Amino acid sequence: MTDLELRAQSFQIAWKYLDRSGLLTGERTDAARFILNRIDRMMIRGERRRLLLSNAAIDAYRMRPVFVPLEA
């Protein structure tokens, strides 16, 4: 499996889980960038286990700080 295939599969696993669980919030483009960034950083460090990549991205997304606008 190539790195691009691994990246795509890891992203797809994370995205499907977050989407089906209702955890994807806000702008989808921003969410996709966040998930891919997490996967990319781990791959740069040498990680190649697909489920570890996707689960780490899911955990990072779930724990990310979320901006909550103040009511006027």
Protein backbone atom coordinates (compact mmCIF):
# COMPACT_ATOMS: atom_id res chain seq x y z
CA MET A 1 0.00 0.00 0.00
CA THR A 2 1.32 3.43 -0.91
CA ASP A 3 1.41 6.34 1.50
CA LEU A 4 -1.36 8.07 -0.45
CA GLU A 5 -3.58 5.00 -0.17
CA LEU A 6 -2.83 4.69 3.53
CA ARG A 7 -3.61 8.37 4.06
CA ALA A 8 -6.88 8.11 2.12
CA GLN A 9 -8.02 4.96 3.91
CA SER A 10 -7.15 6.35 7.35
CA PHE A 11 -9.04 9.54 6.56
CA GLN A 12 -12.05 7.63 5.26
CA ILE A 13 -12.27 5.53 8.43
CA ALA A 14 -12.04 8.59 10.68
CA TRP A 15 -14.48 10.63 8.59
CA LYS A 16 -17.13 7.90 8.42
CA TYR A 17 -16.96 7.33 12.16
CA LEU A 18 -17.21 11.01 13.04
CA ASP A 19 -19.98 11.60 10.51
CA ARG A 20 -22.09 8.63 11.56
CA SER A 21 -21.66 9.41 15.25
CA GLY A 22 -22.79 13.01 14.73
CA LEU A 23 -19.50 14.43 15.99
CA LEU A 24 -18.65 16.38 12.83
CA THR A 25 -19.50 19.97 13.59
CA GLY A 26 -18.91 23.28 11.88
CA GLU A 27 -17.40 23.65 8.44
CA ARG A 28 -16.69 20.28 6.84
CA THR A 29 -13.66 21.61 4.98
CA ASP A 30 -12.08 22.67 8.26
CA ALA A 31 -12.87 19.29 9.82
CA ALA A 32 -11.28 17.48 6.87
CA ARG A 33 -8.15 19.62 7.13
CA PHE A 34 -7.90 18.96 10.85
CA ILE A 35 -8.20 15.18 10.40
CA LEU A 36 -5.73 15.06 7.51
CA ASN A 37 -3.26 17.24 9.39
CA ARG A 38 -3.27 14.81 12.31
CA ILE A 39 -2.80 11.80 10.01
CA ASP A 40 -0.04 13.56 8.04
CA ARG A 41 1.90 14.49 11.18
CA MET A 42 1.85 10.91 12.40
CA MET A 43 2.89 9.56 9.01
CA ILE A 44 5.81 12.01 8.90
CA ARG A 45 6.97 10.48 12.19
CA GLY A 46 6.82 7.03 10.60
CA GLU A 47 3.46 5.63 11.67
CA ARG A 48 1.97 3.24 9.09
CA ARG A 49 -0.79 1.43 11.01
CA ARG A 50 -4.07 2.48 9.41
CA LEU A 51 -6.30 2.02 12.45
CA LEU A 52 -3.89 3.79 14.74
CA LEU A 53 -3.78 6.73 12.32
CA SER A 54 -7.56 6.92 12.03
CA ASN A 55 -8.21 6.43 15.77
CA ALA A 56 -5.66 9.09 16.71
CA ALA A 57 -7.31 11.51 14.26
CA ILE A 58 -10.73 10.73 15.76
CA ASP A 59 -9.47 11.29 19.30
CA ALA A 60 -7.74 14.53 18.35
CA TYR A 61 -10.88 15.81 16.63
CA ARG A 62 -13.05 14.94 19.63
CA MET A 63 -10.69 16.76 22.02
CA ARG A 64 -10.01 19.83 19.87
CA PRO A 65 -10.97 23.20 21.30
CA VAL A 66 -14.23 24.43 19.83
CA PHE A 67 -15.02 28.10 19.35
CA VAL A 68 -18.36 29.02 20.84
CA PRO A 69 -19.55 32.48 19.78
CA LEU A 70 -20.90 34.75 22.49
CA GLU A 71 -24.54 35.64 22.26
CA ALA A 72 -25.25 39.31 21.69
